[in-house]
Amino acid sequence: MEKKIPVNTITRDVKRLAAPTGNIYESVVILSKRANQIALAEKKELSAKLEDFRSERDTMEEVFENKEQIEISKYYERQPKPDLVAISEFENDELYYRVANTDDTAK
């Protein structure tokens, strides 16, 4: 089952985003870190798929004629952006995050 994630930017209520952490800046940091994780995973996945098409002697004609490679690239271009996925996960309580212990008495 695929998630219903908007593919374009929408206006969001900042108070609603800040509610789970109590601080909008903490929420933004969580969203940023998750978006980076998603982007890295997608990049690795795309690179692995495109590596199958790489040859030692690529010519410009071969690159332009490889329809499967073009379709794979188009598929990833149509996917929702990592920040939109992260926001959707955050709003649906699908993210696990924790605050590091900031005990000043620790040595």
N, C-alpha and C. Protein backbone atom coordinates (compact mmCIF):
# COMPACT_ATOMS: atom_id res chain seq x y z
N MET A 1 0.83 -1.19 0.00
CA MET A 1 0.00 0.00 0.00
C MET A 1 0.88 1.25 0.00
N GLU A 2 0.65 2.12 -0.92
CA GLU A 2 1.45 3.33 -1.06
C GLU A 2 0.80 4.47 -0.28
N LYS A 3 1.65 5.28 0.33
CA LYS A 3 1.16 6.42 1.11
C LYS A 3 0.64 7.50 0.18
N LYS A 4 -0.34 8.23 0.66
CA LYS A 4 -0.87 9.38 -0.07
C LYS A 4 -0.12 10.62 0.42
N ILE A 5 0.90 11.01 -0.34
CA ILE A 5 1.72 12.16 0.01
C ILE A 5 1.61 13.17 -1.11
N PRO A 6 1.32 14.43 -0.77
CA PRO A 6 1.21 15.43 -1.83
C PRO A 6 2.57 15.63 -2.51
N VAL A 7 2.54 15.87 -3.81
CA VAL A 7 3.79 16.03 -4.56
C VAL A 7 4.19 17.50 -4.69
N ASN A 8 3.38 18.38 -4.14
CA ASN A 8 3.74 19.80 -4.17
C ASN A 8 3.63 20.37 -2.76
N THR A 9 4.15 21.54 -2.59
CA THR A 9 4.18 22.17 -1.28
C THR A 9 2.79 22.69 -0.90
N ILE A 10 2.42 22.48 0.35
CA ILE A 10 1.14 23.00 0.85
C ILE A 10 1.41 23.81 2.11
N THR A 11 0.50 24.69 2.44
CA THR A 11 0.63 25.50 3.65
C THR A 11 0.34 24.63 4.87
N ARG A 12 1.18 24.73 5.87
CA ARG A 12 1.00 23.92 7.08
C ARG A 12 0.90 24.83 8.30
N ASP A 13 0.20 24.36 9.29
CA ASP A 13 0.04 25.08 10.55
C ASP A 13 1.30 24.85 11.40
N VAL A 14 2.05 25.89 11.64
CA VAL A 14 3.30 25.80 12.39
C VAL A 14 3.05 25.29 13.81
N LYS A 15 1.96 25.71 14.42
CA LYS A 15 1.64 25.26 15.78
C LYS A 15 1.42 23.76 15.82
N ARG A 16 0.81 23.24 14.77
CA ARG A 16 0.55 21.79 14.70
C ARG A 16 1.87 21.02 14.53
N LEU A 17 2.80 21.58 13.77
CA LEU A 17 4.10 20.93 13.61
C LEU A 17 4.91 20.99 14.90
N ALA A 18 4.75 22.06 15.66
CA ALA A 18 5.51 22.21 16.90
C ALA A 18 4.92 21.41 18.04
N ALA A 19 3.67 21.02 17.94
CA ALA A 19 2.98 20.36 19.06
C ALA A 19 3.69 19.10 19.59
N PRO A 20 4.13 18.17 18.75
CA PRO A 20 4.73 16.94 19.30
C PRO A 20 6.00 17.18 20.13
N THR A 21 6.78 18.18 19.77
CA THR A 21 8.02 18.44 20.49
C THR A 21 7.91 19.60 21.46
N GLY A 22 6.93 20.47 21.25
CA GLY A 22 6.78 21.65 22.07
C GLY A 22 7.66 22.81 21.59
N ASN A 23 8.38 22.60 20.49
CA ASN A 23 9.30 23.62 19.99
C ASN A 23 9.41 23.45 18.48
N ILE A 24 9.09 24.49 17.73
CA ILE A 24 9.12 24.41 16.27
C ILE A 24 10.52 24.11 15.76
N TYR A 25 11.55 24.63 16.42
CA TYR A 25 12.93 24.40 15.98
C TYR A 25 13.33 22.94 16.13
N GLU A 26 12.91 22.31 17.21
CA GLU A 26 13.19 20.88 17.39
C GLU A 26 12.46 20.07 16.32
N SER A 27 11.24 20.45 16.03
CA SER A 27 10.48 19.76 14.99
C SER A 27 11.17 19.89 13.63
N VAL A 28 11.66 21.08 13.33
CA VAL A 28 12.34 21.31 12.05
C VAL A 28 13.62 20.48 11.97
N VAL A 29 14.36 20.38 13.06
CA VAL A 29 15.58 19.57 13.07
C VAL A 29 15.24 18.10 12.81
N ILE A 30 14.20 17.61 13.46
CA ILE A 30 13.77 16.22 13.26
C ILE A 30 13.39 16.00 11.80
N LEU A 31 12.60 16.92 11.24
CA LEU A 31 12.18 16.80 9.85
C LEU A 31 13.37 16.85 8.90
N SER A 32 14.31 17.72 9.19
CA SER A 32 15.49 17.85 8.35
C SER A 32 16.33 16.57 8.34
N LYS A 33 16.54 16.02 9.51
CA LYS A 33 17.34 14.79 9.61
C LYS A 33 16.64 13.63 8.90
N ARG A 34 15.32 13.54 9.06
CA ARG A 34 14.58 12.46 8.39
C ARG A 34 14.59 12.64 6.88
N ALA A 35 14.42 13.88 6.41
CA ALA A 35 14.45 14.14 4.97
C ALA A 35 15.82 13.76 4.39
N ASN A 36 16.89 14.06 5.12
CA ASN A 36 18.23 13.67 4.67
C ASN A 36 18.38 12.16 4.59
N GLN A 37 17.82 11.43 5.56
CA GLN A 37 17.86 9.97 5.54
C GLN A 37 17.13 9.44 4.30
N ILE A 38 15.96 9.98 4.05
CA ILE A 38 15.16 9.53 2.90
C ILE A 38 15.89 9.83 1.59
N ALA A 39 16.44 11.03 1.47
CA ALA A 39 17.15 11.42 0.25
C ALA A 39 18.36 10.52 0.01
N LEU A 40 19.10 10.21 1.06
CA LEU A 40 20.27 9.35 0.92
C LEU A 40 19.86 7.94 0.49
N ALA A 41 18.79 7.42 1.10
CA ALA A 41 18.32 6.09 0.73
C ALA A 41 17.86 6.05 -0.73
N GLU A 42 17.14 7.08 -1.17
CA GLU A 42 16.69 7.13 -2.56
C GLU A 42 17.87 7.25 -3.52
N LYS A 43 18.87 8.03 -3.14
CA LYS A 43 20.04 8.20 -3.99
C LYS A 43 20.79 6.88 -4.15
N LYS A 44 20.95 6.15 -3.04
CA LYS A 44 21.63 4.85 -3.11
C LYS A 44 20.84 3.88 -3.98
N GLU A 45 19.52 3.87 -3.81
CA GLU A 45 18.67 2.97 -4.58
C GLU A 45 18.75 3.29 -6.08
N LEU A 46 18.65 4.57 -6.42
CA LEU A 46 18.73 4.98 -7.82
C LEU A 46 20.11 4.68 -8.41
N SER A 47 21.15 4.95 -7.66
CA SER A 47 22.51 4.67 -8.15
C SER A 47 22.71 3.19 -8.41
N ALA A 48 22.17 2.36 -7.52
CA ALA A 48 22.30 0.91 -7.70
C ALA A 48 21.56 0.46 -8.95
N LYS A 49 20.38 1.00 -9.20
CA LYS A 49 19.62 0.62 -10.39
C LYS A 49 20.29 1.10 -11.67
N LEU A 50 20.84 2.31 -11.63
CA LEU A 50 21.48 2.86 -12.82
C LEU A 50 22.85 2.24 -13.07
N GLU A 51 23.47 1.68 -12.04
CA GLU A 51 24.76 1.03 -12.20
C GLU A 51 24.67 -0.16 -13.15
N ASP A 52 23.51 -0.80 -13.19
CA ASP A 52 23.31 -1.94 -14.09
C ASP A 52 23.46 -1.53 -15.56
N PHE A 53 23.22 -0.26 -15.85
CA PHE A 53 23.26 0.21 -17.24
C PHE A 53 24.62 0.77 -17.62
N ARG A 54 25.50 0.93 -16.68
CA ARG A 54 26.80 1.55 -16.94
C ARG A 54 27.71 0.57 -17.66
N SER A 55 28.37 1.07 -18.66
CA SER A 55 29.38 0.27 -19.34
C SER A 55 30.65 1.09 -19.46
N GLU A 56 31.72 0.43 -19.78
CA GLU A 56 33.01 1.11 -19.87
C GLU A 56 33.09 2.04 -21.08
N ARG A 57 32.31 1.74 -22.11
CA ARG A 57 32.42 2.51 -23.34
C ARG A 57 31.08 3.14 -23.73
N ASP A 58 30.48 3.88 -22.84
CA ASP A 58 29.22 4.57 -23.16
C ASP A 58 29.46 5.63 -24.23
N THR A 59 28.60 5.62 -25.22
CA THR A 59 28.63 6.70 -26.21
C THR A 59 27.37 7.52 -26.00
N MET A 60 27.33 8.68 -26.56
CA MET A 60 26.16 9.55 -26.40
C MET A 60 24.91 8.89 -26.98
N GLU A 61 25.05 8.15 -28.09
CA GLU A 61 23.88 7.49 -28.67
C GLU A 61 23.32 6.44 -27.73
N GLU A 62 24.20 5.67 -27.08
CA GLU A 62 23.75 4.64 -26.16
C GLU A 62 23.02 5.25 -24.97
N VAL A 63 23.50 6.36 -24.48
CA VAL A 63 22.88 7.00 -23.32
C VAL A 63 21.49 7.48 -23.68
N PHE A 64 21.33 8.10 -24.84
CA PHE A 64 20.03 8.63 -25.23
C PHE A 64 19.06 7.54 -25.63
N GLU A 65 19.54 6.40 -26.07
CA GLU A 65 18.66 5.34 -26.55
C GLU A 65 18.22 4.38 -25.46
N ASN A 66 18.78 4.46 -24.28
CA ASN A 66 18.45 3.52 -23.23
C ASN A 66 17.14 3.92 -22.56
N LYS A 67 16.05 3.38 -23.04
CA LYS A 67 14.72 3.75 -22.56
C LYS A 67 14.46 3.29 -21.13
N GLU A 68 14.97 2.12 -20.76
CA GLU A 68 14.76 1.63 -19.39
C GLU A 68 15.40 2.57 -18.37
N GLN A 69 16.58 3.04 -18.68
CA GLN A 69 17.28 3.96 -17.78
C GLN A 69 16.50 5.26 -17.66
N ILE A 70 15.97 5.74 -18.75
CA ILE A 70 15.18 6.97 -18.75
C ILE A 70 13.92 6.79 -17.92
N GLU A 71 13.26 5.63 -18.06
CA GLU A 71 12.05 5.36 -17.29
C GLU A 71 12.32 5.30 -15.80
N ILE A 72 13.44 4.69 -15.42
CA ILE A 72 13.81 4.63 -14.00
C ILE A 72 14.02 6.04 -13.46
N SER A 73 14.73 6.86 -14.21
CA SER A 73 14.98 8.24 -13.78
C SER A 73 13.68 9.03 -13.67
N LYS A 74 12.79 8.86 -14.62
CA LYS A 74 11.50 9.57 -14.58
C LYS A 74 10.67 9.12 -13.38
N TYR A 75 10.72 7.83 -13.05
CA TYR A 75 9.99 7.33 -11.89
C TYR A 75 10.44 8.05 -10.62
N TYR A 76 11.75 8.19 -10.44
CA TYR A 76 12.26 8.85 -9.24
C TYR A 76 11.96 10.35 -9.25
N GLU A 77 11.91 10.96 -10.41
CA GLU A 77 11.56 12.37 -10.50
C GLU A 77 10.11 12.62 -10.09
N ARG A 78 9.24 11.64 -10.33
CA ARG A 78 7.82 11.80 -9.99
C ARG A 78 7.52 11.52 -8.52
N GLN A 79 8.46 10.94 -7.80
CA GLN A 79 8.25 10.63 -6.39
C GLN A 79 8.17 11.91 -5.56
N PRO A 80 7.42 11.87 -4.45
CA PRO A 80 7.37 13.06 -3.58
C PRO A 80 8.76 13.37 -3.03
N LYS A 81 9.01 14.63 -2.84
CA LYS A 81 10.30 15.07 -2.33
C LYS A 81 10.50 14.57 -0.90
N PRO A 82 11.76 14.31 -0.51
CA PRO A 82 12.04 13.76 0.83
C PRO A 82 11.48 14.60 1.97
N ASP A 83 11.48 15.93 1.82
CA ASP A 83 10.95 16.75 2.91
C ASP A 83 9.44 16.57 3.06
N LEU A 84 8.73 16.38 1.96
CA LEU A 84 7.29 16.14 2.04
C LEU A 84 6.98 14.78 2.67
N VAL A 85 7.81 13.79 2.37
CA VAL A 85 7.63 12.47 2.99
C VAL A 85 7.89 12.56 4.49
N ALA A 86 8.95 13.27 4.88
CA ALA A 86 9.29 13.42 6.30
C ALA A 86 8.17 14.13 7.05
N ILE A 87 7.61 15.18 6.48
CA ILE A 87 6.52 15.90 7.13
C ILE A 87 5.31 15.00 7.28
N SER A 88 4.99 14.23 6.25
CA SER A 88 3.86 13.32 6.31
C SER A 88 4.06 12.28 7.41
N GLU A 89 5.25 11.71 7.50
CA GLU A 89 5.54 10.73 8.55
C GLU A 89 5.43 11.37 9.93
N PHE A 90 5.92 12.58 10.07
CA PHE A 90 5.88 13.30 11.35
C PHE A 90 4.44 13.57 11.76
N GLU A 91 3.63 14.04 10.83
CA GLU A 91 2.23 14.36 11.13
C GLU A 91 1.40 13.11 11.46
N ASN A 92 1.79 11.98 10.91
CA ASN A 92 1.06 10.73 11.14
C ASN A 92 1.67 9.89 12.26
N ASP A 93 2.56 10.48 13.05
CA ASP A 93 3.23 9.80 14.17
C ASP A 93 3.93 8.51 13.73
N GLU A 94 4.58 8.56 12.57
CA GLU A 94 5.31 7.40 12.07
C GLU A 94 6.81 7.51 12.30
N LEU A 95 7.26 8.60 12.93
CA LEU A 95 8.68 8.80 13.19
C LEU A 95 8.99 8.53 14.65
N TYR A 96 10.11 7.87 14.87
CA TYR A 96 10.61 7.70 16.23
C TYR A 96 11.76 8.67 16.41
N TYR A 97 11.71 9.46 17.43
CA TYR A 97 12.80 10.38 17.74
C TYR A 97 12.91 10.48 19.25
N ARG A 98 14.08 10.87 19.70
CA ARG A 98 14.28 11.06 21.14
C ARG A 98 15.20 12.24 21.34
N VAL A 99 15.08 12.83 22.50
CA VAL A 99 15.92 13.98 22.87
C VAL A 99 17.08 13.43 23.69
N ALA A 100 18.28 13.82 23.32
CA ALA A 100 19.46 13.37 24.06
C ALA A 100 19.42 13.93 25.47
N ASN A 101 19.94 13.17 26.41
CA ASN A 101 19.98 13.59 27.79
C ASN A 101 20.96 14.75 27.92
N THR A 102 20.47 15.86 28.47
CA THR A 102 21.31 17.06 28.62
C THR A 102 21.55 17.33 30.11
N ASP A 103 21.92 16.31 30.85
CA ASP A 103 22.17 16.44 32.28
C ASP A 103 23.50 17.16 32.50
N ASP A 104 23.45 18.37 33.07
CA ASP A 104 24.65 19.18 33.28
C ASP A 104 25.55 18.63 34.38
N THR A 105 25.03 17.76 35.24
CA THR A 105 25.82 17.25 36.35
C THR A 105 26.68 16.06 35.92
N ALA A 106 26.46 15.53 34.75
CA ALA A 106 27.25 14.39 34.28
C ALA A 106 28.67 14.83 33.98
N LYS A 107 29.61 13.94 34.24
CA LYS A 107 31.03 14.26 34.00
C LYS A 107 31.58 13.45 32.89
